[in-house]
Structures are given as structure tokens and as C-alpha cells.
Protein backbone atom coordinates (compact mmCIF):
# COMPACT_ATOMS: atom_id res chain seq x y z
CA MET A 1 396.12 115.87 161.21
CA ILE A 2 395.99 115.20 164.97
CA ALA A 3 393.46 117.85 165.57
CA ALA A 4 390.86 116.16 163.49
CA VAL A 5 390.53 113.41 166.02
CA LEU A 6 390.72 115.13 169.32
CA ALA A 7 387.20 114.41 170.14
CA GLY A 8 387.86 110.49 170.19
CA CYS A 9 390.21 110.73 173.16
CA PHE A 10 387.73 111.28 176.06
CA VAL A 11 384.47 110.20 177.11
CA THR A 12 381.55 112.01 175.37
CA GLY A 13 377.91 112.10 176.35
CA ALA A 14 377.23 110.00 173.29
CA ASP A 15 379.81 107.44 174.36
CA LEU A 16 378.22 107.06 177.78
CA ALA A 17 374.81 106.86 176.22
CA ALA A 18 375.84 103.95 173.90
CA VAL A 19 377.46 102.16 176.73
CA VAL A 20 374.77 102.47 179.20
CA GLY A 21 371.90 101.89 177.04
CA SER A 22 368.37 103.42 176.55
CA SER A 23 365.40 103.61 178.64
CA GLY A 24 362.99 100.71 178.88
CA PRO A 25 359.32 100.71 177.66
CA GLY A 26 358.09 104.30 178.48
CA GLY A 27 361.42 105.07 180.24
CA ARG A 28 359.70 104.48 183.58
CA PRO A 29 359.98 101.98 186.28
CA GLY A 30 357.43 99.12 186.48
CA GLY A 31 353.74 99.44 186.56
CA THR A 32 351.31 101.10 188.88
CA THR A 33 348.51 99.33 190.83
CA ASP A 34 345.28 100.20 189.22
CA PRO A 35 342.18 98.86 191.12
CA SER A 36 340.17 99.30 187.84
CA ASP A 37 342.38 96.67 186.35
CA THR A 38 343.14 94.35 189.19
CA GLY A 39 339.84 94.56 191.18
CA ASP A 40 339.22 96.97 194.05
CA PRO A 41 339.40 95.19 197.45
CA PHE A 42 337.31 98.09 198.93
CA GLU A 43 333.65 98.89 198.80
CA PRO A 44 333.48 102.00 196.67
CA ALA A 45 330.44 103.59 198.63
CA LYS A 46 330.54 103.91 202.50
CA PRO A 47 328.64 106.23 204.82
CA GLY A 48 331.16 108.93 205.66
CA ALA A 49 334.43 109.77 204.24
CA LEU A 50 338.02 110.10 205.27
CA GLU A 51 340.68 112.37 203.70
CA VAL A 52 344.27 111.03 203.29
CA VAL A 53 346.15 114.16 203.60
CA SER A 54 349.81 113.18 203.34
CA VAL A 55 352.05 110.24 203.33
CA ALA A 56 355.85 110.71 204.45
CA PRO A 57 358.26 109.71 202.97
CA THR A 58 356.29 109.35 199.70
CA PHE A 59 358.63 106.71 198.40
CA GLY A 60 360.50 103.50 199.28
CA VAL A 61 361.86 100.18 198.11
CA ASP A 62 359.73 97.26 197.16
CA THR A 63 360.98 95.16 199.91
CA GLY A 64 358.93 97.18 202.50
CA GLY A 65 359.60 96.95 206.13
CA TYR A 66 360.12 100.50 207.14
CA THR A 67 357.98 103.16 208.75
CA SER A 68 355.75 105.65 206.97
CA ARG A 69 353.62 108.48 208.55
CA VAL A 70 350.07 108.70 206.99
CA VAL A 71 348.00 111.89 208.03
CA VAL A 72 344.23 111.48 207.72
CA GLU A 73 341.32 113.67 208.45
CA GLY A 74 337.97 112.37 209.61
CA LEU A 75 338.91 109.69 212.01
CA GLU A 76 336.71 109.28 214.99
CA PRO A 77 337.72 108.38 218.44
CA GLY A 78 337.78 104.54 218.71
CA ASP A 79 338.35 103.92 215.05
CA GLU A 80 340.61 101.18 214.15
CA PRO A 81 341.77 102.11 210.76
CA SER A 82 343.25 99.83 208.18
CA VAL A 83 345.90 101.14 205.66
CA TRP A 84 346.68 99.84 202.18
CA PHE A 85 349.44 100.63 199.88
CA GLY A 86 347.96 99.62 196.42
CA ASP A 87 346.57 96.11 197.02
CA GLU A 88 348.87 95.35 200.03
CA PRO A 89 347.87 95.87 203.64
CA ALA A 90 350.17 97.73 205.89
CA VAL A 91 350.79 97.14 209.63
CA VAL A 92 349.49 100.00 211.73
CA TRP A 93 351.74 100.58 214.65
CA SER A 94 350.04 103.40 216.17
CA VAL A 95 347.24 105.89 215.95
CA ASN A 96 347.72 109.36 217.33
CA GLY A 97 344.63 111.45 216.37
CA GLY A 98 344.81 111.68 212.58
CA ALA A 99 348.52 110.58 212.48
CA LEU A 100 349.17 106.88 211.73
CA GLU A 101 352.59 105.28 212.01
CA VAL A 102 352.42 102.14 209.60
CA GLU A 103 354.94 99.60 208.41
CA VAL A 104 355.13 99.78 204.62
CA PRO A 105 354.24 96.32 203.09
CA THR A 106 356.24 94.65 200.36
CA SER A 107 355.09 95.20 196.76
CA ALA A 108 354.94 93.01 193.67
CA VAL A 109 354.95 96.20 191.53
CA THR A 110 357.13 99.22 191.20
CA GLY A 111 355.91 102.68 190.47
CA GLN A 112 353.04 104.68 191.99
CA VAL A 113 350.27 103.17 194.07
CA ASP A 114 347.38 104.69 196.00
CA VAL A 115 347.42 104.95 199.61
CA ARG A 116 343.96 104.04 201.26
CA VAL A 117 342.73 104.21 204.81
CA GLU A 118 339.53 102.30 205.85
CA THR A 119 337.37 102.27 209.02
CA ALA A 120 334.30 100.46 209.70
CA GLY A 121 332.24 103.31 208.39
CA ALA A 122 334.51 105.37 206.13
CA LEU A 123 337.06 105.22 203.37
CA GLY A 124 339.56 107.68 201.90
CA ALA A 125 342.50 107.47 199.44
CA LEU A 126 345.41 109.46 198.31
CA PRO A 127 345.76 108.62 194.41
CA SER A 128 349.40 107.77 193.52
CA GLY A 129 350.33 108.76 197.12
CA PHE A 130 353.43 106.46 197.35
CA THR A 131 356.07 105.45 194.78
CA TYR A 132 357.88 101.88 194.95
CA TRP A 133 361.31 101.66 193.69
CA ALA A 134 363.23 98.53 192.99
CA ASP A 135 365.48 97.73 195.90
CA GLY A 136 368.99 99.21 194.87
CA VAL A 137 370.99 98.33 198.13
CA GLY A 138 374.53 97.43 197.15
CA ARG A 139 374.05 98.36 193.51
CA THR A 140 374.58 101.40 191.35
CA GLY A 141 371.70 103.83 190.87
CA ALA A 142 373.11 106.48 188.76
CA LEU A 143 375.90 106.61 186.14
CA GLY A 144 377.87 109.34 184.48
CA ILE A 145 380.87 111.74 184.58
CA MET A 146 381.78 115.39 184.86
CA GLN A 147 385.18 116.04 183.32
CA ARG A 148 387.70 118.81 182.39
CA ILE A 149 390.30 117.84 179.88
CA ASP A 150 393.49 119.99 179.41
CA TYR A 151 395.63 119.51 176.39
CA ILE A 152 399.50 119.62 176.55
CA GLY A 153 402.26 119.76 174.02
CA GLY A 154 403.20 122.20 171.12
CA TYR A 155 402.49 119.85 168.29
CA TRP A 156 398.71 120.24 167.85
CA GLY A 157 399.18 123.03 165.37
CA SER A 158 397.65 125.71 167.53
CA ALA A 159 396.85 126.18 171.22
CA ILE A 160 393.79 124.18 172.32
CA ASP A 161 391.69 125.47 175.19
CA PRO A 162 390.49 122.97 177.86
CA VAL A 163 387.21 121.33 177.33
CA ALA A 164 384.55 120.22 179.91
CA SER A 165 381.39 118.30 179.79
CA VAL A 166 378.86 116.44 181.87
CA SER A 167 376.70 113.43 181.27
CA LEU A 168 374.59 111.41 183.64
CA GLY A 169 371.39 109.50 184.21
CA ILE A 170 369.40 107.93 187.14
CA ILE A 171 369.25 104.20 186.22
CA THR A 172 367.74 100.99 187.27
CA PRO A 173 369.91 99.48 189.83
CA ALA A 174 373.03 97.89 188.14
CA ASP A 175 375.78 95.57 189.22
CA PHE A 176 378.59 97.55 187.78
CA GLY A 177 380.11 100.98 188.28
CA PHE A 178 381.94 103.49 185.95
CA ALA A 179 385.28 101.67 186.04
CA GLU A 180 383.69 98.58 184.53
CA LEU A 181 382.93 100.56 181.36
CA TYR A 182 386.73 100.44 180.76
CA VAL A 183 388.12 97.07 182.00
CA PRO A 184 386.59 93.82 183.29
CA ASP A 185 385.38 94.11 186.79
CA GLY A 186 386.81 97.61 187.17
CA ALA A 187 390.02 95.81 188.33
CA ARG A 188 392.95 98.23 189.36
CA ASP A 189 396.23 98.26 187.28
CA THR A 190 394.46 96.40 184.43
CA CYS A 191 394.15 97.25 180.75
CA ALA A 192 391.89 95.99 178.01
CA ARG A 193 391.88 96.32 174.27
CA ALA A 194 388.58 97.04 172.73
CA TRP A 195 386.73 95.96 175.98
CA ASP A 196 383.08 95.13 175.57
CA SER A 197 381.34 97.12 178.22
CA PRO A 198 378.62 95.54 180.61
CA ALA A 199 375.12 94.95 179.62
CA SER A 200 372.87 97.90 178.96
CA VAL A 201 370.69 99.26 181.74
CA ALA A 202 367.61 101.38 181.62
CA TYR A 203 367.30 104.99 182.46
CA LEU A 204 364.55 106.15 184.84
CA ASP A 205 362.84 108.93 182.92
CA PRO A 206 361.66 111.69 185.30
CA GLY A 207 359.70 113.47 182.45
CA VAL A 208 361.81 116.58 182.45
CA SER A 209 364.03 118.11 179.78
CA SER A 210 366.69 119.52 182.16
CA VAL A 211 368.31 119.13 185.60
CA ASP A 212 370.50 121.40 187.74
CA LEU A 213 373.96 120.69 189.07
CA ASP A 214 375.10 122.61 192.00
CA THR A 215 378.87 122.83 191.96
CA GLY A 216 379.04 125.19 194.95
CA SER A 217 380.19 128.01 192.86
CA ALA A 218 377.78 127.64 189.88
CA LEU A 219 374.55 126.28 189.06
CA LEU A 220 374.67 124.34 185.68
CA LEU A 221 371.69 123.66 183.54
CA VAL A 222 371.96 120.19 181.90
CA ARG A 223 369.44 119.25 179.31
CA GLY A 224 368.35 115.78 178.15
CA GLU A 225 365.49 113.50 177.24
CA GLY A 226 364.47 109.83 178.22
CA GLY A 227 366.20 110.19 181.55
CA PHE A 228 369.89 110.87 179.90
CA PHE A 229 371.16 114.39 180.61
CA GLU A 230 374.36 115.93 179.03
CA ALA A 231 375.95 119.30 178.23
CA ASP A 232 379.19 120.94 177.52
CA VAL A 233 380.21 123.33 180.33
CA ASP A 234 382.49 126.11 180.91
CA PRO A 235 385.86 124.52 182.05
CA ASP A 236 385.89 127.26 184.77
CA ASP A 237 382.65 125.91 186.27
CA VAL A 238 384.29 122.56 187.00
CA PRO A 239 384.93 122.78 190.68
CA ALA A 240 388.27 122.20 192.44
CA GLY A 241 389.29 118.85 194.00
CA GLY A 242 387.24 117.84 196.91
CA ALA A 243 384.07 119.80 195.96
CA VAL A 244 380.85 117.71 196.02
CA VAL A 245 378.40 118.37 193.08
CA SER A 246 374.68 117.92 193.89
CA LEU A 247 371.75 117.17 191.49
CA GLN A 248 368.29 118.67 191.82
CA MET A 249 365.34 118.32 189.48
CA SER A 250 361.74 119.51 189.46
CA ALA A 251 359.40 116.86 187.98
CA PRO A 252 356.02 115.15 188.40
CA PRO A 253 356.08 111.94 190.40
CA PRO A 254 357.83 109.57 191.01
CA PHE A 255 361.01 111.89 191.05
CA ASP A 256 359.67 114.89 192.93
CA ALA A 257 360.05 113.61 196.34
CA PRO A 258 363.54 112.26 196.49
CA PHE A 259 365.07 114.74 194.04
CA ALA A 260 363.23 118.00 194.71
CA ALA A 261 365.92 118.90 197.24
CA ALA A 262 369.56 118.82 196.33
CA VAL A 263 370.97 115.39 196.42
CA PRO A 264 374.94 114.98 196.55
CA LEU A 265 375.88 112.97 193.50
CA PHE A 266 379.69 112.99 192.97
CA GLU A 267 382.94 114.53 194.00
CA MET A 268 385.71 116.13 191.90
CA PRO A 269 389.34 115.09 192.08
CA ASP A 270 392.53 117.21 191.95
CA PRO A 271 394.07 117.83 188.48
CA ILE A 272 396.72 115.36 187.29
CA THR A 273 400.17 116.15 186.39
CA VAL A 274 401.70 113.83 183.66
CA THR A 275 405.44 113.22 183.78
CA GLU A 276 405.91 110.37 181.41
CA PRO A 277 405.94 110.18 178.34
CA GLY A 278 407.14 113.80 177.97
CA MET A 279 404.03 114.89 175.99
CA SER A 280 404.24 118.59 177.19
CA GLY A 281 407.16 119.66 174.83
CA ALA A 282 407.16 121.15 171.32
CA SER A 283 407.73 117.83 169.46
CA LEU A 284 405.94 114.48 169.72
CA PRO A 285 407.92 112.00 171.90
CA PHE A 286 408.51 108.39 170.79
CA VAL A 287 407.50 105.41 172.72
CA GLU A 288 408.21 101.66 172.67
CA ARG A 289 405.44 98.97 172.28
CA GLU A 290 405.29 98.77 176.16
CA ILE A 291 404.43 102.39 177.05
CA ARG A 292 405.58 103.63 180.33
CA LEU A 293 403.12 106.14 182.10
CA GLY A 294 404.18 108.51 184.89
CA TRP A 295 402.31 111.08 186.84
CA VAL A 296 402.48 112.84 190.20
CA ALA A 297 400.65 110.47 192.59
CA GLY A 298 397.47 111.66 194.27
CA SER A 299 394.41 110.65 196.28
CA GLY A 300 392.19 109.76 193.31
CA ASP A 301 390.06 106.60 193.62
CA TYR A 302 391.91 105.53 190.38
CA VAL A 303 393.54 106.99 187.26
CA LEU A 304 391.75 106.32 183.82
CA ALA A 305 394.27 105.95 180.87
CA THR A 306 392.87 105.71 177.34
CA LEU A 307 395.29 105.20 174.51
CA ASN A 308 393.91 105.58 171.05
CA ARG A 309 396.16 104.73 168.07
CA TYR A 310 395.55 106.36 164.65
CA ARG A 311 396.78 105.56 161.28
CA ASP A 312 396.13 108.25 158.71
CA ASP A 313 393.65 109.74 160.99
CA THR A 314 391.85 106.43 161.28
CA LEU A 315 391.37 104.81 164.70
CA VAL A 316 393.09 101.24 164.77
CA ASP A 317 393.70 100.34 168.33
CA GLU A 318 391.87 101.38 171.57
CA VAL A 319 393.31 100.52 174.98
CA SER A 320 391.99 101.61 178.31
CA CYS A 321 393.50 101.03 181.74
CA VAL A 322 392.17 101.59 185.22
CA LEU A 323 395.14 102.28 187.39
CA THR A 324 396.02 102.81 191.17
CA ASP A 325 396.87 106.57 191.69
CA ASP A 326 400.38 105.73 192.71
CA GLY A 327 402.28 107.65 189.97
CA ALA A 328 403.48 104.84 187.55
CA PHE A 329 402.27 102.12 185.26
CA THR A 330 403.62 100.31 182.20
CA VAL A 331 400.96 99.56 179.49
CA PRO A 332 401.36 96.07 178.11
CA ASP A 333 401.94 95.51 174.38
CA PHE A 334 398.46 95.44 172.97
CA TRP A 335 399.21 96.86 169.63
CA THR A 336 398.31 95.13 166.38
CA GLY A 337 401.21 96.38 164.21
CA TRP A 338 403.09 99.35 162.75
CA SER A 339 402.58 101.10 159.44
CA GLY A 340 405.12 103.83 159.35
CA SER A 341 405.25 107.59 160.14
CA GLN A 342 401.46 107.96 159.80
CA ASP A 343 400.90 106.19 163.17
CA TYR A 344 400.45 108.34 166.45
CA ILE A 345 398.75 107.51 169.84
CA VAL A 346 396.65 110.06 171.60
CA ILE A 347 396.89 109.50 175.42
CA LEU A 348 394.48 110.56 178.10
CA LEU A 349 395.44 110.25 181.77
CA ALA A 350 392.53 111.36 184.14
CA ARG A 351 392.31 111.30 187.84
CA VAL A 352 388.91 109.98 188.95
CA ALA A 353 386.87 110.54 192.06
CA GLU A 354 384.26 107.77 192.62
CA ALA A 355 382.54 108.95 195.85
CA LYS A 356 379.67 106.30 195.70
CA LEU A 357 377.32 108.65 197.56
CA PRO A 358 373.96 107.20 198.64
CA MET A 359 370.91 107.76 196.43
CA PRO A 360 367.79 108.70 198.36
CA HIS A 361 365.21 106.84 196.13
CA ASP A 362 366.18 103.18 196.36
CA GLY A 363 369.19 102.82 198.74
CA SER A 364 371.65 102.46 195.79
CA MET A 365 374.95 104.25 195.41
CA SER A 366 375.79 106.90 192.78
CA GLY A 367 378.08 105.71 190.09
CA VAL A 368 378.57 109.27 188.67
CA VAL A 369 382.34 110.25 188.80
CA GLY A 370 384.32 113.43 188.67
CA ALA A 371 387.52 113.32 186.40
CA ARG A 372 390.36 115.84 185.74
CA GLY A 373 392.38 114.78 182.70
CA THR A 374 395.38 115.70 180.58
CA VAL A 375 395.73 114.81 176.82
CA GLY A 376 398.78 114.58 174.78
CA ALA A 377 400.26 112.50 171.88
CA VAL A 378 403.09 110.18 171.11
CA VAL A 379 404.54 108.54 167.94
CA PRO A 380 405.46 104.70 168.07
CA LEU A 381 408.97 103.62 167.32
CA ALA A 382 409.12 101.40 164.30
CA TRP A 383 407.32 98.26 165.49
């Protein structure tokens, strides 16, 4: 009976996808400045030509105001070049041979724009040479979870091996993190019944079908589409507590610059040891309406508790809690009733690491978390 509903007691990739939402039109950020649509501010034919060789960095946020290095071939001594990012003029700070230091301008669009250099006698451009991202400072720029779940108790009917999975996506900057998917504002020592998660956000589609996660001891291939990636993984590939997991992808612009190298994305916590209720025995323990949870305290950013109550194998109550990792909490009475011996509750306690590591493309923070959980079950007393 209980084994039939095990999949409902922890976060799945489908759950996260449903909560976070789907990509916007085309799955890509904003539009691209196209001179053929907006009117080209440059004369198309000039005597002589420049070659814009490179721009570094090749990406930045749409608020501008930071420095980029534009390398140009064909400049003559005494030239006073003008530089444009899309239709916006940049401030040229210095000219050293063919290396120009410029202040990137603000942009009314996001996405790829041409970088152009003009002198009195020549013009050159690097098509799609720069990518503007929406400013993500102070917001969440990626969302997801890597988790390992261990089952305890001798009442499942047969031994159950640990399971592990990963699901993640790079998203448009959002004003909530992973904990807010479970309780309002992600508040600690708070529980919610059937919580309505925050509004959906859009994935940023890099145009690839897989990404790599480097755990330090294994390189995991994670497949997906539309900017959302998920996979079941070998539980032994989930690294120990304190390990930082990095993301790397090979993709066409706009993702190739910030994510071609490994980007630290999240950290794994230590495993959690549950002490109350006594779910590790041979028989299902009984609980009162207010359920006391106990575990060995640790250094997690928080502990996630989910309590799913079933009646005749049908889910009838869902309660989630985000808890301080201090070792004890009593879940308030959220339950809707009691129907007899067919009711039981599957309890997941998971220690969560929420490193909030910086994202390179827009100044946001990663909302991808690591989780180590333990699942057991209990039987309610007659309510």
C-alpha cells in the first residue's frame, strides 16, 4: 500500500517544472536590435573598413555603466573612433592602438546586439557581438535542486534503495527562492497546508539538450529542453556535505560566454538523522494531531519537512514546513479529519544547503539547492 505512493513524498523534476513555469515566447530573453527593422544610424558604404575582432566581456546587464574592451583592426593613428552597442553610443575612455576601453551603454532591449566602430573614414561591426541580460542583482537567477533521499523503517514491504535526482533551470530574475516554493516568504519555523507557490517565471533557453554538472568526483550529464534540465542520478554520485557543484554548458549565444566555463551553482549539505517520530523501527509509529519532529541538529541553511497524508492510497493532506536546523519542531494541527486504519502519513525531513552563489550573466544569485533527506511513515491516532 505505502510503496505505491513513495514518489509523492519528495520533489520531482515535474513538480519543480510545474511550480516554476515554462519559458516565455521562444524561451529566450527579450529581442535583438536589428538595424534592418529599426533604421541603421550608420552609412552603409564608407571608404575603408574596420574589423571588430572581439569584445570582452561579451555579455552584461541592461543597466550598463561598466567597462568592456573592444579590439579593432584597421584604425589609423589619430582616429577618434565612435563605438555603438546596438543603437546606443558607448563612451570611449581610451584608445591604445586597436584596443578600445569603453563604457557599455544602457539598453532598452535584452538579447544580442551588434557592436560597431566608426571613424571619419571607415566602419566595422561584430554582428551579435554583445548580449544584454536583464539586471538580476538581488534576485534569483537559477532555480532547482539536487537531492538524495534515504528510506528508513521496516514496514515498506521490502528494502528500498536510496534515490537521487537533479532538476534545474536558468531563469529570468525572480523575487523568490527555493524555500518560497513551500511556505510564504520562505519564513523559518513556518508550515503551510496546500501552499500556492509564487508566480511562474520563464526559463532562459540556451538551445541545448543537455548540461554537465561537476560534483568534484563525477561529471553528470543532465538532459532537458526549453531551458529546464532534469535527471535521475546514481545516489553514490551525490557528493558529501560541503561539496560545491558546478554547471557547464556548450551552447550558441547568448549562453556560450558566461557558461562555457564551469560556474559554481550550489552546495551539498550533510545527511540528516531523524530521531522523532521513531520511523526507523520495524513497525509504523503512532502520532498525535500535532506531530513532534526531531533530528540531530546541523549546519543546514534550513530543514525542509513535507508531510503527505494518504487515505486508501489517495493523497488527502499536504503540509510543508521550512525549519531552522536546530533539531526540533512541532508541526501544528493542519489535518482535515480521520477515517480509520487506512490513514497514514509519509514524512520527509531534508537538510538543505542554499549557497546563493553569484551567477555570471546578470549579477543574480543561484536559487539551486542541495538536499539530503530521510523518508519514513507514521500512523495517526484516532482523530
